[in-house]
């Protein structure tokens, strides 16, 4: 379906019909609900979504054995970060999530002594993304302590 046909359809609807259409989309499509939750939701609602994402990231780094630690699920973490980037409205919230992932990854590597090429590449890629957003939006002051910790510890291995 082309954008022009959608535009014509929307323009043909009355105010009440348009409201019903949006409410129907909210009920049927979870992505629309997530979008409006991020766009129109309060700070606490967005914080809950990011907190949930942080819990999911932490789960991907969790392992029970020190002798044979399970490698982190980097693909699933990348997928989660990509999904959150699509939903994200404010850049500083996304930077916070990127830095949380970096901190979790570095702590995992330090605690379990697991250093793989995949982990190193993941750290490099996520750091570049976070750094680009920080420089673009001039957020250095907001995240300086966390950046310093990451820079000090990422080169230990």
N, C-alpha and C. Protein backbone atom coordinates (compact mmCIF):
# COMPACT_ATOMS: atom_id res chain seq x y z
N UNK A 1 0.84 -1.17 0.00
CA UNK A 1 0.00 0.00 0.00
C UNK A 1 0.89 1.24 0.00
N UNK A 2 0.56 2.18 -0.82
CA UNK A 2 1.35 3.39 -0.96
C UNK A 2 0.91 4.45 0.05
N UNK A 3 1.83 5.36 0.34
CA UNK A 3 1.53 6.44 1.28
C UNK A 3 0.40 7.33 0.78
N UNK A 4 0.31 7.52 -0.51
CA UNK A 4 -0.74 8.38 -1.05
C UNK A 4 -2.13 7.79 -0.80
N UNK A 5 -2.26 6.49 -0.97
CA UNK A 5 -3.57 5.87 -0.73
C UNK A 5 -3.93 5.93 0.75
N UNK A 6 -2.94 5.78 1.63
CA UNK A 6 -3.20 5.90 3.07
C UNK A 6 -3.60 7.33 3.40
N UNK A 7 -2.91 8.30 2.82
CA UNK A 7 -3.24 9.71 3.05
C UNK A 7 -4.65 10.03 2.59
N UNK A 8 -5.02 9.52 1.43
CA UNK A 8 -6.39 9.75 0.92
C UNK A 8 -7.42 9.14 1.87
N UNK A 9 -7.12 7.93 2.36
CA UNK A 9 -8.04 7.26 3.28
C UNK A 9 -8.19 8.07 4.57
N UNK A 10 -7.08 8.53 5.12
CA UNK A 10 -7.12 9.30 6.37
C UNK A 10 -7.87 10.62 6.16
N UNK A 11 -7.62 11.28 5.03
CA UNK A 11 -8.32 12.54 4.74
C UNK A 11 -9.81 12.35 4.54
N UNK A 12 -10.21 11.17 4.10
CA UNK A 12 -11.64 10.92 3.87
C UNK A 12 -12.40 10.65 5.18
N UNK A 13 -11.68 10.34 6.24
CA UNK A 13 -12.33 10.03 7.51
C UNK A 13 -12.73 11.29 8.26
N UNK A 14 -13.83 11.16 9.01
CA UNK A 14 -14.23 12.27 9.89
C UNK A 14 -13.38 12.20 11.16
N UNK A 15 -13.53 13.21 12.01
CA UNK A 15 -12.76 13.26 13.26
C UNK A 15 -13.06 12.03 14.13
N UNK A 16 -14.32 11.67 14.26
CA UNK A 16 -14.70 10.51 15.09
C UNK A 16 -14.19 9.21 14.49
N UNK A 17 -14.31 9.07 13.18
CA UNK A 17 -13.83 7.85 12.51
C UNK A 17 -12.31 7.71 12.65
N UNK A 18 -11.62 8.84 12.57
CA UNK A 18 -10.16 8.84 12.73
C UNK A 18 -9.77 8.40 14.15
N UNK A 19 -10.49 8.89 15.13
CA UNK A 19 -10.23 8.49 16.52
C UNK A 19 -10.47 7.00 16.70
N UNK A 20 -11.55 6.49 16.14
CA UNK A 20 -11.84 5.06 16.23
C UNK A 20 -10.76 4.23 15.55
N UNK A 21 -10.28 4.71 14.41
CA UNK A 21 -9.22 4.01 13.67
C UNK A 21 -7.94 3.92 14.50
N UNK A 22 -7.57 5.02 15.14
CA UNK A 22 -6.36 5.02 15.97
C UNK A 22 -6.52 4.11 17.17
N UNK A 23 -7.68 4.13 17.80
CA UNK A 23 -7.92 3.24 18.95
C UNK A 23 -7.90 1.77 18.53
N UNK A 24 -8.43 1.49 17.34
CA UNK A 24 -8.39 0.12 16.83
C UNK A 24 -6.94 -0.32 16.59
N UNK A 25 -6.12 0.57 16.05
CA UNK A 25 -4.71 0.25 15.84
C UNK A 25 -3.98 0.02 17.16
N UNK A 26 -4.32 0.82 18.16
CA UNK A 26 -3.71 0.64 19.48
C UNK A 26 -4.03 -0.73 20.06
N UNK A 27 -5.25 -1.19 19.85
CA UNK A 27 -5.66 -2.50 20.38
C UNK A 27 -5.04 -3.65 19.61
N UNK A 28 -4.95 -3.52 18.28
CA UNK A 28 -4.52 -4.64 17.45
C UNK A 28 -3.00 -4.75 17.29
N UNK A 29 -2.29 -3.64 17.33
CA UNK A 29 -0.86 -3.66 17.04
C UNK A 29 -0.04 -3.23 18.27
N UNK A 30 0.71 -4.16 18.85
CA UNK A 30 1.53 -3.80 20.01
C UNK A 30 2.59 -2.74 19.70
N UNK A 31 3.08 -2.71 18.48
CA UNK A 31 4.10 -1.73 18.11
C UNK A 31 3.55 -0.30 18.19
N UNK A 32 2.29 -0.13 17.82
CA UNK A 32 1.66 1.19 17.89
C UNK A 32 1.50 1.60 19.35
N UNK A 33 1.11 0.66 20.17
CA UNK A 33 0.97 0.94 21.60
C UNK A 33 2.31 1.32 22.22
N UNK A 34 3.37 0.61 21.86
CA UNK A 34 4.72 0.92 22.36
C UNK A 34 5.15 2.31 21.89
N UNK A 35 4.85 2.63 20.64
CA UNK A 35 5.23 3.93 20.11
C UNK A 35 4.56 5.04 20.91
N UNK A 36 3.27 4.93 21.13
CA UNK A 36 2.56 5.98 21.86
C UNK A 36 2.96 6.00 23.33
N UNK A 37 3.34 4.85 23.86
CA UNK A 37 3.81 4.82 25.25
C UNK A 37 5.11 5.62 25.37
N UNK A 38 5.99 5.48 24.38
CA UNK A 38 7.24 6.23 24.40
C UNK A 38 7.00 7.71 24.07
N UNK A 39 6.14 7.96 23.12
CA UNK A 39 5.92 9.34 22.65
C UNK A 39 5.10 10.16 23.65
N UNK A 40 4.02 9.59 24.13
CA UNK A 40 3.09 10.34 24.97
C UNK A 40 3.17 9.96 26.45
N UNK A 41 3.87 8.88 26.74
CA UNK A 41 3.93 8.39 28.11
C UNK A 41 4.74 9.29 29.01
N UNK A 42 4.57 9.05 30.28
CA UNK A 42 5.31 9.84 31.27
C UNK A 42 6.73 9.32 31.39
N UNK A 43 7.52 10.05 32.15
CA UNK A 43 8.91 9.66 32.37
C UNK A 43 8.97 8.30 33.07
N UNK A 44 8.07 8.06 34.01
CA UNK A 44 8.08 6.79 34.74
C UNK A 44 7.75 5.62 33.83
N UNK A 45 6.85 5.82 32.88
CA UNK A 45 6.52 4.74 31.94
C UNK A 45 7.72 4.40 31.06
N UNK A 46 8.42 5.43 30.60
CA UNK A 46 9.62 5.18 29.79
C UNK A 46 10.71 4.53 30.64
N UNK A 47 10.85 4.97 31.88
CA UNK A 47 11.85 4.38 32.77
C UNK A 47 11.57 2.89 32.98
N UNK A 48 10.30 2.53 33.08
CA UNK A 48 9.94 1.12 33.25
C UNK A 48 10.37 0.30 32.04
N UNK A 49 10.18 0.83 30.84
CA UNK A 49 10.60 0.12 29.63
C UNK A 49 12.12 -0.05 29.60
N UNK A 50 12.84 1.00 29.97
CA UNK A 50 14.30 0.91 29.97
C UNK A 50 14.80 0.00 31.09
N UNK A 51 14.11 0.03 32.21
CA UNK A 51 14.50 -0.86 33.31
C UNK A 51 14.29 -2.32 32.90
N UNK A 52 13.20 -2.58 32.21
CA UNK A 52 12.93 -3.93 31.71
C UNK A 52 14.02 -4.36 30.72
N UNK A 53 14.42 -3.45 29.85
CA UNK A 53 15.49 -3.75 28.89
C UNK A 53 16.81 -4.03 29.60
N UNK A 54 17.09 -3.28 30.66
CA UNK A 54 18.32 -3.50 31.42
C UNK A 54 18.31 -4.87 32.10
N UNK A 55 17.16 -5.27 32.61
CA UNK A 55 17.04 -6.59 33.22
C UNK A 55 17.30 -7.67 32.18
N UNK A 56 16.76 -7.49 30.98
CA UNK A 56 16.98 -8.46 29.90
C UNK A 56 18.46 -8.53 29.51
N UNK A 57 19.11 -7.38 29.46
CA UNK A 57 20.54 -7.37 29.14
C UNK A 57 21.33 -8.09 30.23
N UNK A 58 21.01 -7.80 31.47
CA UNK A 58 21.71 -8.45 32.59
C UNK A 58 21.52 -9.97 32.54
N UNK A 59 20.33 -10.42 32.15
CA UNK A 59 20.08 -11.87 32.04
C UNK A 59 20.99 -12.51 30.99
N UNK A 60 21.26 -11.79 29.93
CA UNK A 60 22.08 -12.34 28.84
C UNK A 60 23.54 -12.50 29.26
N UNK A 61 23.96 -11.77 30.27
CA UNK A 61 25.33 -11.90 30.77
C UNK A 61 25.42 -12.84 31.98
N UNK A 62 24.29 -13.26 32.49
CA UNK A 62 24.30 -14.09 33.70
C UNK A 62 24.78 -15.51 33.40
N UNK A 63 25.54 -16.05 34.33
CA UNK A 63 26.00 -17.43 34.23
C UNK A 63 26.17 -17.96 35.66
N UNK A 64 26.11 -19.26 35.82
CA UNK A 64 26.16 -19.84 37.16
C UNK A 64 27.53 -20.41 37.50
N UNK A 65 28.29 -20.78 36.52
CA UNK A 65 29.53 -21.50 36.77
C UNK A 65 30.75 -20.62 36.54
N UNK A 66 31.65 -20.62 37.53
CA UNK A 66 32.91 -19.91 37.36
C UNK A 66 33.91 -20.76 36.58
N UNK A 67 33.79 -22.09 36.71
CA UNK A 67 34.71 -22.98 36.01
C UNK A 67 34.48 -22.96 34.51
N UNK A 68 33.21 -23.06 34.13
CA UNK A 68 32.85 -23.05 32.71
C UNK A 68 31.72 -22.05 32.48
N UNK A 69 32.06 -20.77 32.50
CA UNK A 69 31.00 -19.77 32.34
C UNK A 69 30.40 -19.81 30.94
N UNK A 70 29.11 -19.60 30.91
CA UNK A 70 28.40 -19.55 29.64
C UNK A 70 28.69 -18.21 28.96
N UNK A 71 28.96 -18.26 27.69
CA UNK A 71 29.25 -17.03 26.95
C UNK A 71 27.98 -16.21 26.84
N UNK A 72 28.12 -14.89 26.90
CA UNK A 72 26.92 -14.03 26.81
C UNK A 72 26.26 -14.14 25.45
N UNK A 73 24.98 -13.90 25.43
CA UNK A 73 24.19 -13.97 24.21
C UNK A 73 24.22 -12.62 23.50
N UNK A 74 25.31 -12.37 22.80
CA UNK A 74 25.55 -11.06 22.18
C UNK A 74 24.52 -10.77 21.09
N UNK A 75 24.14 -11.79 20.31
CA UNK A 75 23.15 -11.56 19.24
C UNK A 75 21.83 -11.07 19.83
N UNK A 76 21.41 -11.69 20.93
CA UNK A 76 20.14 -11.29 21.55
C UNK A 76 20.24 -9.91 22.16
N UNK A 77 21.41 -9.58 22.70
CA UNK A 77 21.62 -8.24 23.25
C UNK A 77 21.56 -7.21 22.12
N UNK A 78 22.21 -7.50 21.01
CA UNK A 78 22.18 -6.58 19.86
C UNK A 78 20.76 -6.40 19.34
N UNK A 79 20.00 -7.48 19.31
CA UNK A 79 18.61 -7.40 18.86
C UNK A 79 17.80 -6.51 19.80
N UNK A 80 17.99 -6.68 21.09
CA UNK A 80 17.29 -5.87 22.08
C UNK A 80 17.67 -4.39 21.95
N UNK A 81 18.95 -4.12 21.78
CA UNK A 81 19.40 -2.74 21.61
C UNK A 81 18.82 -2.11 20.35
N UNK A 82 18.74 -2.89 19.28
CA UNK A 82 18.16 -2.39 18.03
C UNK A 82 16.68 -2.07 18.20
N UNK A 83 15.96 -2.95 18.88
CA UNK A 83 14.53 -2.71 19.13
C UNK A 83 14.32 -1.46 19.97
N UNK A 84 15.14 -1.31 21.00
CA UNK A 84 15.00 -0.13 21.86
C UNK A 84 15.40 1.14 21.11
N UNK A 85 16.35 1.05 20.21
CA UNK A 85 16.74 2.22 19.41
C UNK A 85 15.58 2.68 18.53
N UNK A 86 14.84 1.72 17.99
CA UNK A 86 13.68 2.07 17.15
C UNK A 86 12.60 2.75 17.97
N UNK A 87 12.43 2.32 19.22
CA UNK A 87 11.38 2.87 20.08
C UNK A 87 11.81 4.17 20.76
N UNK A 88 13.10 4.36 20.89
CA UNK A 88 13.64 5.46 21.68
C UNK A 88 13.28 6.82 21.09
N UNK A 89 12.98 7.74 21.98
CA UNK A 89 12.67 9.10 21.57
C UNK A 89 13.79 10.04 21.99
N UNK A 90 14.25 9.89 23.23
CA UNK A 90 15.30 10.75 23.75
C UNK A 90 16.65 10.04 23.67
N UNK A 91 17.62 10.74 23.14
CA UNK A 91 18.94 10.15 22.94
C UNK A 91 19.63 9.82 24.25
N UNK A 92 19.44 10.64 25.28
CA UNK A 92 20.14 10.37 26.53
C UNK A 92 19.69 9.06 27.18
N UNK A 93 18.44 8.66 26.95
CA UNK A 93 17.97 7.38 27.48
C UNK A 93 18.63 6.21 26.74
N UNK A 94 18.81 6.38 25.45
CA UNK A 94 19.46 5.31 24.67
C UNK A 94 20.94 5.21 25.03
N UNK A 95 21.59 6.34 25.26
CA UNK A 95 23.00 6.33 25.68
C UNK A 95 23.12 5.62 27.02
N UNK A 96 22.20 5.88 27.92
CA UNK A 96 22.21 5.21 29.22
C UNK A 96 22.13 3.70 29.05
N UNK A 97 21.30 3.24 28.13
CA UNK A 97 21.17 1.80 27.88
C UNK A 97 22.44 1.23 27.25
N UNK A 98 23.03 1.95 26.30
CA UNK A 98 24.29 1.51 25.71
C UNK A 98 25.39 1.40 26.77
N UNK A 99 25.48 2.41 27.63
CA UNK A 99 26.52 2.39 28.66
C UNK A 99 26.28 1.27 29.67
N UNK A 100 25.01 1.01 29.98
CA UNK A 100 24.71 -0.11 30.88
C UNK A 100 25.18 -1.43 30.26
N UNK A 101 24.93 -1.59 28.97
CA UNK A 101 25.38 -2.80 28.29
C UNK A 101 26.91 -2.91 28.32
N UNK A 102 27.59 -1.82 28.05
CA UNK A 102 29.06 -1.84 28.09
C UNK A 102 29.57 -2.19 29.49
N UNK A 103 28.98 -1.58 30.50
CA UNK A 103 29.40 -1.86 31.88
C UNK A 103 29.16 -3.33 32.22
N UNK A 104 28.02 -3.85 31.82
CA UNK A 104 27.70 -5.26 32.10
C UNK A 104 28.68 -6.18 31.39
N UNK A 105 28.99 -5.88 30.15
CA UNK A 105 29.89 -6.71 29.36
C UNK A 105 31.30 -6.70 29.96
N UNK A 106 31.78 -5.53 30.33
CA UNK A 106 33.12 -5.43 30.91
C UNK A 106 33.18 -6.12 32.26
N UNK A 107 32.15 -5.93 33.09
CA UNK A 107 32.12 -6.61 34.40
C UNK A 107 32.10 -8.12 34.22
N UNK A 108 31.34 -8.61 33.25
CA UNK A 108 31.30 -10.05 32.98
C UNK A 108 32.68 -10.55 32.60
N UNK A 109 33.33 -9.85 31.69
CA UNK A 109 34.66 -10.26 31.23
C UNK A 109 35.67 -10.25 32.36
N UNK A 110 35.60 -9.24 33.22
CA UNK A 110 36.54 -9.14 34.33
C UNK A 110 36.28 -10.22 35.37
N UNK A 111 35.01 -10.48 35.67
CA UNK A 111 34.67 -11.43 36.72
C UNK A 111 34.95 -12.87 36.31
N UNK A 112 34.62 -13.23 35.09
CA UNK A 112 34.75 -14.62 34.66
C UNK A 112 35.98 -14.87 33.81
N UNK A 113 36.70 -13.84 33.45
CA UNK A 113 37.90 -14.01 32.64
C UNK A 113 37.61 -14.47 31.23
N UNK A 114 36.42 -14.19 30.73
CA UNK A 114 36.04 -14.58 29.38
C UNK A 114 36.25 -13.39 28.45
N UNK A 115 37.21 -13.55 27.56
CA UNK A 115 37.51 -12.48 26.61
C UNK A 115 37.55 -13.14 25.23
N UNK A 116 36.54 -12.86 24.44
CA UNK A 116 36.48 -13.43 23.09
C UNK A 116 36.47 -12.29 22.08
N UNK A 117 36.70 -12.65 20.85
CA UNK A 117 36.67 -11.66 19.78
C UNK A 117 35.27 -11.06 19.64
N UNK A 118 34.26 -11.88 19.85
CA UNK A 118 32.87 -11.41 19.76
C UNK A 118 32.61 -10.35 20.83
N UNK A 119 33.08 -10.59 22.05
CA UNK A 119 32.88 -9.63 23.14
C UNK A 119 33.64 -8.34 22.84
N UNK A 120 34.87 -8.46 22.38
CA UNK A 120 35.65 -7.27 22.05
C UNK A 120 34.99 -6.46 20.94
N UNK A 121 34.51 -7.13 19.91
CA UNK A 121 33.82 -6.44 18.82
C UNK A 121 32.55 -5.76 19.31
N UNK A 122 31.82 -6.45 20.18
CA UNK A 122 30.59 -5.89 20.74
C UNK A 122 30.89 -4.62 21.52
N UNK A 123 31.91 -4.67 22.35
CA UNK A 123 32.29 -3.49 23.14
C UNK A 123 32.66 -2.34 22.20
N UNK A 124 33.45 -2.62 21.18
CA UNK A 124 33.86 -1.58 20.25
C UNK A 124 32.66 -0.95 19.53
N UNK A 125 31.75 -1.79 19.04
CA UNK A 125 30.61 -1.29 18.28
C UNK A 125 29.66 -0.46 19.15
N UNK A 126 29.33 -0.98 20.32
CA UNK A 126 28.40 -0.27 21.20
C UNK A 126 29.03 1.03 21.69
N UNK A 127 30.33 1.00 21.99
CA UNK A 127 31.02 2.22 22.43
C UNK A 127 30.99 3.28 21.33
N UNK A 128 31.19 2.88 20.09
CA UNK A 128 31.16 3.84 18.98
C UNK A 128 29.76 4.46 18.83
N UNK A 129 28.73 3.63 18.98
CA UNK A 129 27.35 4.15 18.89
C UNK A 129 27.08 5.15 20.00
N UNK A 130 27.43 4.78 21.23
CA UNK A 130 27.19 5.65 22.37
C UNK A 130 28.00 6.94 22.23
N UNK A 131 29.25 6.81 21.83
CA UNK A 131 30.12 7.98 21.70
C UNK A 131 29.59 8.94 20.63
N UNK A 132 29.10 8.39 19.53
CA UNK A 132 28.56 9.24 18.46
C UNK A 132 27.36 10.04 18.96
N UNK A 133 26.47 9.39 19.70
CA UNK A 133 25.28 10.09 20.21
C UNK A 133 25.69 11.13 21.25
N UNK A 134 26.65 10.77 22.10
CA UNK A 134 27.10 11.70 23.15
C UNK A 134 27.72 12.95 22.51
N UNK A 135 28.57 12.76 21.52
CA UNK A 135 29.21 13.90 20.87
C UNK A 135 28.20 14.75 20.09
N UNK A 136 27.28 14.07 19.42
CA UNK A 136 26.29 14.79 18.61
C UNK A 136 25.40 15.67 19.47
N UNK A 137 25.02 15.17 20.65
CA UNK A 137 24.09 15.90 21.52
C UNK A 137 24.78 16.61 22.68
N UNK A 138 26.11 16.58 22.69
CA UNK A 138 26.90 17.23 23.73
C UNK A 138 26.48 16.79 25.14
N UNK A 139 26.48 15.48 25.34
CA UNK A 139 26.06 14.89 26.62
C UNK A 139 27.25 14.43 27.47
N UNK A 140 28.45 14.93 27.19
CA UNK A 140 29.64 14.47 27.90
C UNK A 140 29.51 14.67 29.41
N UNK A 141 29.00 15.81 29.84
CA UNK A 141 28.90 16.08 31.27
C UNK A 141 27.98 15.09 31.97
N UNK A 142 26.91 14.71 31.30
CA UNK A 142 25.93 13.83 31.91
C UNK A 142 26.48 12.42 32.16
N UNK A 143 27.35 11.94 31.29
CA UNK A 143 27.83 10.55 31.36
C UNK A 143 29.34 10.43 31.59
N UNK A 144 30.00 11.50 31.99
CA UNK A 144 31.45 11.49 32.06
C UNK A 144 32.01 10.43 33.00
N UNK A 145 31.41 10.26 34.18
CA UNK A 145 31.92 9.26 35.14
C UNK A 145 31.84 7.85 34.56
N UNK A 146 30.73 7.53 33.95
CA UNK A 146 30.55 6.19 33.39
C UNK A 146 31.48 5.97 32.20
N UNK A 147 31.67 6.98 31.39
CA UNK A 147 32.58 6.86 30.25
C UNK A 147 34.01 6.63 30.73
N UNK A 148 34.41 7.38 31.76
CA UNK A 148 35.76 7.21 32.31
C UNK A 148 35.96 5.78 32.82
N UNK A 149 34.96 5.23 33.54
CA UNK A 149 35.07 3.87 34.06
C UNK A 149 35.20 2.87 32.91
N UNK A 150 34.41 3.04 31.89
CA UNK A 150 34.45 2.13 30.73
C UNK A 150 35.81 2.23 30.04
N UNK A 151 36.29 3.43 29.81
CA UNK A 151 37.57 3.60 29.14
C UNK A 151 38.73 3.02 29.96
N UNK A 152 38.68 3.16 31.28
CA UNK A 152 39.73 2.61 32.13
C UNK A 152 39.73 1.09 32.11
N UNK A 153 38.56 0.51 32.08
CA UNK A 153 38.45 -0.96 32.22
C UNK A 153 38.38 -1.72 30.92
N UNK A 154 38.02 -1.10 29.83
CA UNK A 154 37.90 -1.85 28.59
C UNK A 154 39.27 -2.24 28.04
N UNK A 155 40.29 -1.55 28.41
CA UNK A 155 41.61 -1.85 27.87
C UNK A 155 42.43 -2.75 28.79
N UNK A 156 41.79 -3.25 29.86
CA UNK A 156 42.50 -4.16 30.77
C UNK A 156 42.68 -5.54 30.16
N UNK A 157 41.90 -5.85 29.16
CA UNK A 157 42.03 -7.19 28.57
C UNK A 157 42.31 -7.14 27.10
